[in-house]
Amino acid sequence: MNPREKLYYLVEKFIKEEYHIDLFCDEFTVVYNTEVDYNVLNNIEKTCFAELCEFTARYSPVEEDLAIPNVYFNAEQVKDKANYVYNKLMSK
């Protein structure tokens, strides 16, 4: 499985609740930031995956973190963004 396929796999498994959010966020962030050749992604993938990576990299389950405005994202926000990305990529 190449890195692009891994991103699709991770998003699909996460929205089907087959991945715990902590593992999903860690894996997605690492694959997107270190393994993907951005030149192989189309424009929609670049935009969607970059937006989702911003959420996964800044996910926190800690209430004190979430109290800081505009820094961290909670689980519901990550799930919503993952669903948005999945639906957008599957409809192309």
N, C-alpha and C. Protein backbone atom coordinates (compact mmCIF):
# COMPACT_ATOMS: atom_id res chain seq x y z
N MET A 1 0.86 -1.17 0.00
CA MET A 1 0.00 0.00 0.00
C MET A 1 0.91 1.24 0.00
N ASN A 2 0.67 2.12 -0.96
CA ASN A 2 1.47 3.34 -1.01
C ASN A 2 0.90 4.38 -0.03
N PRO A 3 1.65 5.45 0.25
CA PRO A 3 1.19 6.43 1.24
C PRO A 3 -0.17 7.06 0.91
N ARG A 4 -0.42 7.33 -0.36
CA ARG A 4 -1.72 7.90 -0.75
C ARG A 4 -2.84 6.93 -0.39
N GLU A 5 -2.64 5.67 -0.70
CA GLU A 5 -3.64 4.64 -0.36
C GLU A 5 -3.80 4.51 1.16
N LYS A 6 -2.71 4.67 1.89
CA LYS A 6 -2.77 4.61 3.36
C LYS A 6 -3.69 5.70 3.91
N LEU A 7 -3.59 6.90 3.34
CA LEU A 7 -4.44 8.00 3.81
C LEU A 7 -5.91 7.67 3.61
N TYR A 8 -6.25 7.16 2.44
CA TYR A 8 -7.63 6.76 2.17
C TYR A 8 -8.06 5.65 3.14
N TYR A 9 -7.19 4.68 3.33
CA TYR A 9 -7.47 3.56 4.23
C TYR A 9 -7.74 4.05 5.65
N LEU A 10 -6.86 4.91 6.14
CA LEU A 10 -7.00 5.42 7.51
C LEU A 10 -8.31 6.19 7.69
N VAL A 11 -8.63 7.04 6.74
CA VAL A 11 -9.87 7.83 6.85
C VAL A 11 -11.08 6.90 6.83
N GLU A 12 -11.09 5.96 5.91
CA GLU A 12 -12.24 5.05 5.81
C GLU A 12 -12.41 4.22 7.08
N LYS A 13 -11.33 3.66 7.57
CA LYS A 13 -11.41 2.84 8.79
C LYS A 13 -11.82 3.67 10.00
N PHE A 14 -11.35 4.91 10.06
CA PHE A 14 -11.70 5.78 11.18
C PHE A 14 -13.19 6.11 11.17
N ILE A 15 -13.74 6.48 10.04
CA ILE A 15 -15.16 6.84 10.02
C ILE A 15 -16.06 5.62 10.22
N LYS A 16 -15.51 4.44 9.96
CA LYS A 16 -16.26 3.21 10.23
C LYS A 16 -16.02 2.72 11.66
N GLU A 17 -15.33 3.55 12.44
CA GLU A 17 -15.03 3.28 13.85
C GLU A 17 -14.19 2.03 14.06
N GLU A 18 -13.28 1.78 13.12
CA GLU A 18 -12.37 0.65 13.23
C GLU A 18 -10.98 1.10 13.69
N TYR A 19 -10.83 2.39 13.92
CA TYR A 19 -9.58 2.96 14.43
C TYR A 19 -9.91 3.87 15.60
N HIS A 20 -9.18 3.74 16.69
CA HIS A 20 -9.33 4.65 17.82
C HIS A 20 -8.78 6.01 17.41
N ILE A 21 -9.39 7.06 17.89
CA ILE A 21 -9.02 8.41 17.46
C ILE A 21 -7.55 8.75 17.72
N ASP A 22 -6.99 8.32 18.84
CA ASP A 22 -5.59 8.61 19.13
C ASP A 22 -4.67 7.99 18.08
N LEU A 23 -4.91 6.73 17.77
CA LEU A 23 -4.09 6.04 16.77
C LEU A 23 -4.30 6.65 15.39
N PHE A 24 -5.56 6.93 15.05
CA PHE A 24 -5.85 7.53 13.75
C PHE A 24 -5.10 8.86 13.60
N CYS A 25 -5.21 9.72 14.57
CA CYS A 25 -4.57 11.03 14.49
C CYS A 25 -3.06 10.91 14.35
N ASP A 26 -2.46 10.04 15.15
CA ASP A 26 -1.01 9.83 15.07
C ASP A 26 -0.60 9.30 13.70
N GLU A 27 -1.28 8.25 13.25
CA GLU A 27 -0.93 7.61 11.98
C GLU A 27 -1.16 8.55 10.79
N PHE A 28 -2.30 9.19 10.76
CA PHE A 28 -2.61 10.08 9.64
C PHE A 28 -1.59 11.21 9.55
N THR A 29 -1.28 11.81 10.69
CA THR A 29 -0.33 12.92 10.71
C THR A 29 1.04 12.49 10.23
N VAL A 30 1.51 11.34 10.68
CA VAL A 30 2.83 10.85 10.27
C VAL A 30 2.85 10.53 8.78
N VAL A 31 1.86 9.80 8.31
CA VAL A 31 1.83 9.42 6.89
C VAL A 31 1.77 10.68 6.02
N TYR A 32 0.87 11.59 6.35
CA TYR A 32 0.72 12.79 5.52
C TYR A 32 1.97 13.66 5.54
N ASN A 33 2.55 13.85 6.70
CA ASN A 33 3.69 14.77 6.82
C ASN A 33 5.03 14.18 6.41
N THR A 34 5.18 12.86 6.47
CA THR A 34 6.52 12.30 6.22
C THR A 34 6.60 11.30 5.07
N GLU A 35 5.48 10.70 4.67
CA GLU A 35 5.55 9.64 3.67
C GLU A 35 4.99 10.02 2.30
N VAL A 36 4.03 10.93 2.27
CA VAL A 36 3.33 11.23 1.02
C VAL A 36 4.17 12.14 0.12
N ASP A 37 4.21 11.77 -1.16
CA ASP A 37 4.75 12.65 -2.19
C ASP A 37 3.57 13.50 -2.65
N TYR A 38 3.56 14.77 -2.27
CA TYR A 38 2.41 15.63 -2.55
C TYR A 38 2.15 15.78 -4.05
N ASN A 39 3.15 15.50 -4.87
CA ASN A 39 2.98 15.60 -6.33
C ASN A 39 2.06 14.54 -6.90
N VAL A 40 1.84 13.46 -6.16
CA VAL A 40 0.94 12.40 -6.66
C VAL A 40 -0.51 12.65 -6.28
N LEU A 41 -0.74 13.64 -5.42
CA LEU A 41 -2.10 13.96 -5.00
C LEU A 41 -2.73 14.95 -5.97
N ASN A 42 -4.01 14.74 -6.28
CA ASN A 42 -4.71 15.74 -7.09
C ASN A 42 -5.07 16.93 -6.19
N ASN A 43 -5.60 17.98 -6.78
CA ASN A 43 -5.88 19.21 -6.02
C ASN A 43 -6.88 18.99 -4.90
N ILE A 44 -7.91 18.20 -5.15
CA ILE A 44 -8.91 17.93 -4.12
C ILE A 44 -8.28 17.17 -2.96
N GLU A 45 -7.47 16.15 -3.28
CA GLU A 45 -6.79 15.38 -2.24
C GLU A 45 -5.84 16.27 -1.43
N LYS A 46 -5.09 17.11 -2.12
CA LYS A 46 -4.15 18.00 -1.42
C LYS A 46 -4.90 18.86 -0.40
N THR A 47 -5.98 19.47 -0.85
CA THR A 47 -6.75 20.35 0.03
C THR A 47 -7.37 19.58 1.19
N CYS A 48 -8.05 18.49 0.88
CA CYS A 48 -8.75 17.72 1.91
C CYS A 48 -7.78 17.11 2.92
N PHE A 49 -6.74 16.47 2.44
CA PHE A 49 -5.79 15.83 3.35
C PHE A 49 -5.03 16.87 4.19
N ALA A 50 -4.70 18.01 3.60
CA ALA A 50 -4.02 19.06 4.37
C ALA A 50 -4.92 19.59 5.48
N GLU A 51 -6.19 19.81 5.16
CA GLU A 51 -7.13 20.29 6.17
C GLU A 51 -7.30 19.27 7.29
N LEU A 52 -7.44 18.00 6.91
CA LEU A 52 -7.61 16.96 7.92
C LEU A 52 -6.35 16.82 8.77
N CYS A 53 -5.19 16.95 8.16
CA CYS A 53 -3.95 16.84 8.92
C CYS A 53 -3.83 17.95 9.95
N GLU A 54 -4.34 19.13 9.63
CA GLU A 54 -4.34 20.21 10.62
C GLU A 54 -5.14 19.80 11.85
N PHE A 55 -6.24 19.10 11.63
CA PHE A 55 -7.08 18.64 12.74
C PHE A 55 -6.40 17.49 13.50
N THR A 56 -5.84 16.52 12.76
CA THR A 56 -5.24 15.36 13.43
C THR A 56 -3.99 15.75 14.22
N ALA A 57 -3.23 16.69 13.70
CA ALA A 57 -2.01 17.12 14.39
C ALA A 57 -2.32 17.93 15.64
N ARG A 58 -3.50 18.54 15.67
CA ARG A 58 -3.86 19.40 16.79
C ARG A 58 -4.99 18.81 17.63
N TYR A 59 -5.20 17.51 17.51
CA TYR A 59 -6.22 16.83 18.33
C TYR A 59 -5.71 16.69 19.76
N SER A 60 -6.61 16.92 20.70
CA SER A 60 -6.30 16.68 22.11
C SER A 60 -7.56 16.24 22.85
N PRO A 61 -7.43 15.20 23.69
CA PRO A 61 -8.54 14.78 24.53
C PRO A 61 -8.55 15.50 25.89
N VAL A 62 -7.57 16.37 26.11
CA VAL A 62 -7.37 17.01 27.41
C VAL A 62 -8.20 18.30 27.49
N GLU A 63 -9.08 18.36 28.48
CA GLU A 63 -9.97 19.51 28.63
C GLU A 63 -9.22 20.83 28.79
N GLU A 64 -8.11 20.81 29.51
CA GLU A 64 -7.33 22.04 29.69
C GLU A 64 -6.79 22.54 28.36
N ASP A 65 -6.36 21.62 27.50
CA ASP A 65 -5.90 22.01 26.16
C ASP A 65 -7.03 22.64 25.36
N LEU A 66 -8.18 21.99 25.42
CA LEU A 66 -9.32 22.44 24.62
C LEU A 66 -9.86 23.79 25.08
N ALA A 67 -9.52 24.19 26.29
CA ALA A 67 -9.95 25.49 26.80
C ALA A 67 -9.17 26.65 26.16
N ILE A 68 -8.03 26.34 25.55
CA ILE A 68 -7.24 27.37 24.88
C ILE A 68 -7.87 27.61 23.50
N PRO A 69 -8.32 28.82 23.24
CA PRO A 69 -9.02 29.08 21.98
C PRO A 69 -8.13 28.93 20.75
N ASN A 70 -8.70 28.32 19.72
CA ASN A 70 -8.08 28.23 18.39
C ASN A 70 -6.74 27.49 18.34
N VAL A 71 -6.53 26.54 19.25
CA VAL A 71 -5.28 25.79 19.23
C VAL A 71 -5.54 24.31 18.99
N TYR A 72 -6.40 23.69 19.78
CA TYR A 72 -6.63 22.25 19.71
C TYR A 72 -8.03 21.94 19.19
N PHE A 73 -8.18 20.70 18.70
CA PHE A 73 -9.47 20.20 18.24
C PHE A 73 -9.89 19.02 19.10
N ASN A 74 -11.18 18.90 19.37
CA ASN A 74 -11.68 17.76 20.14
C ASN A 74 -12.06 16.61 19.21
N ALA A 75 -12.46 15.50 19.79
CA ALA A 75 -12.77 14.30 19.02
C ALA A 75 -13.90 14.53 18.02
N GLU A 76 -14.92 15.24 18.44
CA GLU A 76 -16.06 15.49 17.55
C GLU A 76 -15.66 16.32 16.33
N GLN A 77 -14.80 17.29 16.53
CA GLN A 77 -14.33 18.11 15.42
C GLN A 77 -13.50 17.28 14.44
N VAL A 78 -12.66 16.40 14.96
CA VAL A 78 -11.86 15.53 14.10
C VAL A 78 -12.77 14.59 13.32
N LYS A 79 -13.75 14.00 13.98
CA LYS A 79 -14.69 13.10 13.31
C LYS A 79 -15.47 13.82 12.22
N ASP A 80 -15.93 15.02 12.53
CA ASP A 80 -16.67 15.81 11.53
C ASP A 80 -15.81 16.11 10.31
N LYS A 81 -14.57 16.50 10.54
CA LYS A 81 -13.67 16.81 9.42
C LYS A 81 -13.35 15.55 8.63
N ALA A 82 -13.13 14.43 9.30
CA ALA A 82 -12.85 13.17 8.60
C ALA A 82 -14.04 12.75 7.74
N ASN A 83 -15.24 12.90 8.26
CA ASN A 83 -16.45 12.59 7.48
C ASN A 83 -16.58 13.51 6.28
N TYR A 84 -16.31 14.78 6.48
CA TYR A 84 -16.36 15.75 5.38
C TYR A 84 -15.37 15.36 4.28
N VAL A 85 -14.14 15.06 4.68
CA VAL A 85 -13.09 14.68 3.73
C VAL A 85 -13.48 13.40 3.00
N TYR A 86 -13.93 12.41 3.72
CA TYR A 86 -14.32 11.14 3.10
C TYR A 86 -15.42 11.37 2.06
N ASN A 87 -16.45 12.10 2.44
CA ASN A 87 -17.56 12.35 1.51
C ASN A 87 -17.12 13.15 0.29
N LYS A 88 -16.27 14.13 0.50
CA LYS A 88 -15.78 14.95 -0.61
C LYS A 88 -14.92 14.11 -1.56
N LEU A 89 -14.05 13.29 -1.03
CA LEU A 89 -13.17 12.48 -1.88
C LEU A 89 -13.92 11.36 -2.59
N MET A 90 -14.94 10.82 -1.95
CA MET A 90 -15.70 9.74 -2.57
C MET A 90 -16.68 10.25 -3.63
N SER A 91 -16.96 11.55 -3.61
CA SER A 91 -17.92 12.10 -4.57
C SER A 91 -17.24 12.67 -5.81
N LYS A 92 -15.92 12.65 -5.84
CA LYS A 92 -15.21 13.26 -6.98
C LYS A 92 -15.32 12.46 -8.24
